Amino acid sequence: MPQLDTSTWLTMILSMFLVLFIIFQLKISKHNFYLNPELMSMKTSKQNTPWETKWTKIYLPLSLPL
């Protein structure tokens, strides 16, 4: 039964990593990034809900008297 020749595996694995690194670098370099990003002011409208106008008391099970 012949032995499996693994002498070229290291070369193949290293070349694969090198090619993947180059491909990802090329893909990333095609993106346009903003030079000075600024926060956008998001205006949210306040919606009045029925429970905001009333005072409610919440009873937790641990806060009840024994």
N, C-alpha and C. Protein backbone atom coordinates (compact mmCIF):
# COMPACT_ATOMS: atom_id res chain seq x y z
N MET A 1 0.86 -1.18 0.00
CA MET A 1 0.00 0.00 0.00
C MET A 1 0.91 1.24 0.00
N PRO A 2 0.70 2.15 -0.98
CA PRO A 2 1.59 3.31 -1.07
C PRO A 2 1.33 4.33 0.04
N GLN A 3 2.37 5.02 0.38
CA GLN A 3 2.26 6.08 1.39
C GLN A 3 1.69 7.34 0.76
N LEU A 4 0.97 8.10 1.57
CA LEU A 4 0.41 9.35 1.10
C LEU A 4 1.51 10.42 1.14
N ASP A 5 1.72 11.06 0.02
CA ASP A 5 2.79 12.06 -0.07
C ASP A 5 2.25 13.39 0.46
N THR A 6 2.75 13.82 1.61
CA THR A 6 2.29 15.08 2.23
C THR A 6 3.34 16.17 2.14
N SER A 7 4.33 16.00 1.31
CA SER A 7 5.42 16.98 1.25
C SER A 7 4.97 18.31 0.65
N THR A 8 3.95 18.29 -0.20
CA THR A 8 3.51 19.55 -0.83
C THR A 8 2.36 20.21 -0.10
N TRP A 9 1.87 19.61 0.97
CA TRP A 9 0.72 20.17 1.67
C TRP A 9 1.02 21.53 2.28
N LEU A 10 2.18 21.67 2.88
CA LEU A 10 2.51 22.95 3.50
C LEU A 10 2.56 24.06 2.46
N THR A 11 3.13 23.78 1.32
CA THR A 11 3.19 24.77 0.24
C THR A 11 1.79 25.13 -0.25
N MET A 12 0.95 24.15 -0.40
CA MET A 12 -0.41 24.40 -0.87
C MET A 12 -1.21 25.21 0.14
N ILE A 13 -1.09 24.87 1.41
CA ILE A 13 -1.84 25.58 2.45
C ILE A 13 -1.36 27.02 2.56
N LEU A 14 -0.06 27.23 2.53
CA LEU A 14 0.46 28.59 2.61
C LEU A 14 0.09 29.41 1.38
N SER A 15 0.14 28.81 0.23
CA SER A 15 -0.24 29.55 -0.97
C SER A 15 -1.74 29.86 -0.96
N MET A 16 -2.55 28.95 -0.41
CA MET A 16 -3.98 29.20 -0.31
C MET A 16 -4.26 30.39 0.59
N PHE A 17 -3.56 30.45 1.74
CA PHE A 17 -3.75 31.59 2.64
C PHE A 17 -3.30 32.89 1.99
N LEU A 18 -2.23 32.84 1.25
CA LEU A 18 -1.74 34.04 0.57
C LEU A 18 -2.74 34.52 -0.47
N VAL A 19 -3.29 33.61 -1.24
CA VAL A 19 -4.27 33.97 -2.26
C VAL A 19 -5.55 34.51 -1.61
N LEU A 20 -6.00 33.89 -0.55
CA LEU A 20 -7.19 34.39 0.14
C LEU A 20 -6.96 35.78 0.71
N PHE A 21 -5.79 36.00 1.27
CA PHE A 21 -5.47 37.31 1.81
C PHE A 21 -5.48 38.36 0.70
N ILE A 22 -4.90 38.04 -0.44
CA ILE A 22 -4.87 38.99 -1.55
C ILE A 22 -6.28 39.27 -2.07
N ILE A 23 -7.09 38.23 -2.18
CA ILE A 23 -8.46 38.41 -2.66
C ILE A 23 -9.26 39.30 -1.72
N PHE A 24 -9.13 39.06 -0.41
CA PHE A 24 -9.87 39.89 0.55
C PHE A 24 -9.36 41.32 0.56
N GLN A 25 -8.07 41.49 0.38
CA GLN A 25 -7.53 42.85 0.32
C GLN A 25 -8.07 43.58 -0.91
N LEU A 26 -8.17 42.90 -2.01
CA LEU A 26 -8.71 43.54 -3.21
C LEU A 26 -10.19 43.86 -3.07
N LYS A 27 -10.92 42.97 -2.43
CA LYS A 27 -12.35 43.24 -2.23
C LYS A 27 -12.56 44.41 -1.29
N ILE A 28 -11.77 44.49 -0.23
CA ILE A 28 -11.92 45.57 0.73
C ILE A 28 -11.49 46.90 0.12
N SER A 29 -10.48 46.88 -0.73
CA SER A 29 -9.98 48.12 -1.31
C SER A 29 -10.98 48.75 -2.28
N LYS A 30 -11.95 47.98 -2.75
CA LYS A 30 -12.94 48.52 -3.68
C LYS A 30 -14.05 49.30 -2.97
N HIS A 31 -14.13 49.19 -1.65
CA HIS A 31 -15.17 49.90 -0.91
C HIS A 31 -14.78 51.35 -0.73
N ASN A 32 -15.79 52.21 -0.79
CA ASN A 32 -15.58 53.63 -0.54
C ASN A 32 -16.03 53.93 0.88
N PHE A 33 -15.11 54.43 1.68
CA PHE A 33 -15.42 54.77 3.05
C PHE A 33 -15.45 56.28 3.18
N TYR A 34 -16.34 56.79 4.01
CA TYR A 34 -16.42 58.22 4.24
C TYR A 34 -15.21 58.68 5.04
N LEU A 35 -14.71 59.84 4.69
CA LEU A 35 -13.53 60.34 5.40
C LEU A 35 -13.88 60.82 6.80
N ASN A 36 -14.98 61.55 6.92
CA ASN A 36 -15.36 62.09 8.22
C ASN A 36 -16.83 61.76 8.48
N PRO A 37 -17.12 60.61 9.04
CA PRO A 37 -18.52 60.26 9.28
C PRO A 37 -19.11 61.11 10.40
N GLU A 38 -20.31 61.58 10.20
CA GLU A 38 -21.00 62.38 11.21
C GLU A 38 -22.27 61.66 11.62
N LEU A 39 -22.62 61.86 12.86
CA LEU A 39 -23.83 61.23 13.36
C LEU A 39 -25.06 61.91 12.77
N MET A 40 -25.96 61.11 12.31
CA MET A 40 -27.20 61.67 11.79
C MET A 40 -28.16 61.89 12.94
N SER A 41 -28.78 63.05 12.95
CA SER A 41 -29.74 63.32 14.01
C SER A 41 -31.07 62.67 13.65
N MET A 42 -31.44 61.71 14.45
CA MET A 42 -32.67 60.99 14.19
C MET A 42 -33.77 61.61 15.04
N LYS A 43 -34.79 62.08 14.37
CA LYS A 43 -35.90 62.70 15.07
C LYS A 43 -37.00 61.65 15.26
N THR A 44 -37.25 61.35 16.50
CA THR A 44 -38.31 60.39 16.79
C THR A 44 -39.51 61.14 17.33
N SER A 45 -40.63 60.78 16.84
CA SER A 45 -41.85 61.44 17.31
C SER A 45 -42.34 60.74 18.58
N LYS A 46 -42.72 61.55 19.54
CA LYS A 46 -43.19 61.02 20.82
C LYS A 46 -44.64 60.59 20.67
N GLN A 47 -44.90 59.34 20.96
CA GLN A 47 -46.26 58.82 20.88
C GLN A 47 -46.80 58.67 22.30
N ASN A 48 -47.93 59.26 22.52
CA ASN A 48 -48.56 59.15 23.84
C ASN A 48 -49.31 57.84 23.94
N THR A 49 -48.96 57.09 24.94
CA THR A 49 -49.64 55.83 25.16
C THR A 49 -50.51 55.95 26.41
N PRO A 50 -51.53 55.15 26.52
CA PRO A 50 -52.45 55.29 27.67
C PRO A 50 -51.77 55.08 29.01
N TRP A 51 -50.77 54.22 29.08
CA TRP A 51 -50.16 53.96 30.37
C TRP A 51 -49.17 55.05 30.78
N GLU A 52 -48.83 55.96 29.88
CA GLU A 52 -47.93 57.04 30.26
C GLU A 52 -48.68 58.15 30.97
N THR A 53 -49.97 58.27 30.72
CA THR A 53 -50.73 59.35 31.36
C THR A 53 -51.20 58.95 32.76
N LYS A 54 -51.27 57.67 33.05
CA LYS A 54 -51.74 57.20 34.36
C LYS A 54 -50.56 56.77 35.22
N TRP A 55 -50.76 56.91 36.53
CA TRP A 55 -49.76 56.41 37.45
C TRP A 55 -50.11 54.97 37.77
N THR A 56 -49.16 54.09 37.59
CA THR A 56 -49.40 52.68 37.88
C THR A 56 -48.36 52.21 38.88
N LYS A 57 -48.76 51.30 39.71
CA LYS A 57 -47.86 50.72 40.68
C LYS A 57 -47.64 49.26 40.32
N ILE A 58 -46.39 48.86 40.29
CA ILE A 58 -46.06 47.50 39.91
C ILE A 58 -45.67 46.75 41.17
N TYR A 59 -46.33 45.65 41.42
CA TYR A 59 -46.01 44.82 42.57
C TYR A 59 -45.15 43.66 42.12
N LEU A 60 -43.98 43.60 42.65
CA LEU A 60 -43.12 42.45 42.36
C LEU A 60 -43.39 41.36 43.37
N PRO A 61 -43.29 40.11 43.01
CA PRO A 61 -43.54 39.04 43.96
C PRO A 61 -42.60 39.07 45.17
N LEU A 62 -41.39 39.54 44.99
CA LEU A 62 -40.47 39.57 46.10
C LEU A 62 -40.69 40.73 47.05
N SER A 63 -41.42 41.74 46.57
CA SER A 63 -41.62 42.92 47.42
C SER A 63 -42.91 42.85 48.22
N LEU A 64 -43.69 41.78 48.07
CA LEU A 64 -44.93 41.66 48.83
C LEU A 64 -44.61 41.31 50.28
N PRO A 65 -45.42 41.81 51.19
CA PRO A 65 -45.19 41.45 52.60
C PRO A 65 -45.48 39.97 52.84
N LEU A 66 -44.78 39.40 53.79
CA LEU A 66 -44.97 37.98 54.07
C LEU A 66 -46.15 37.76 55.00
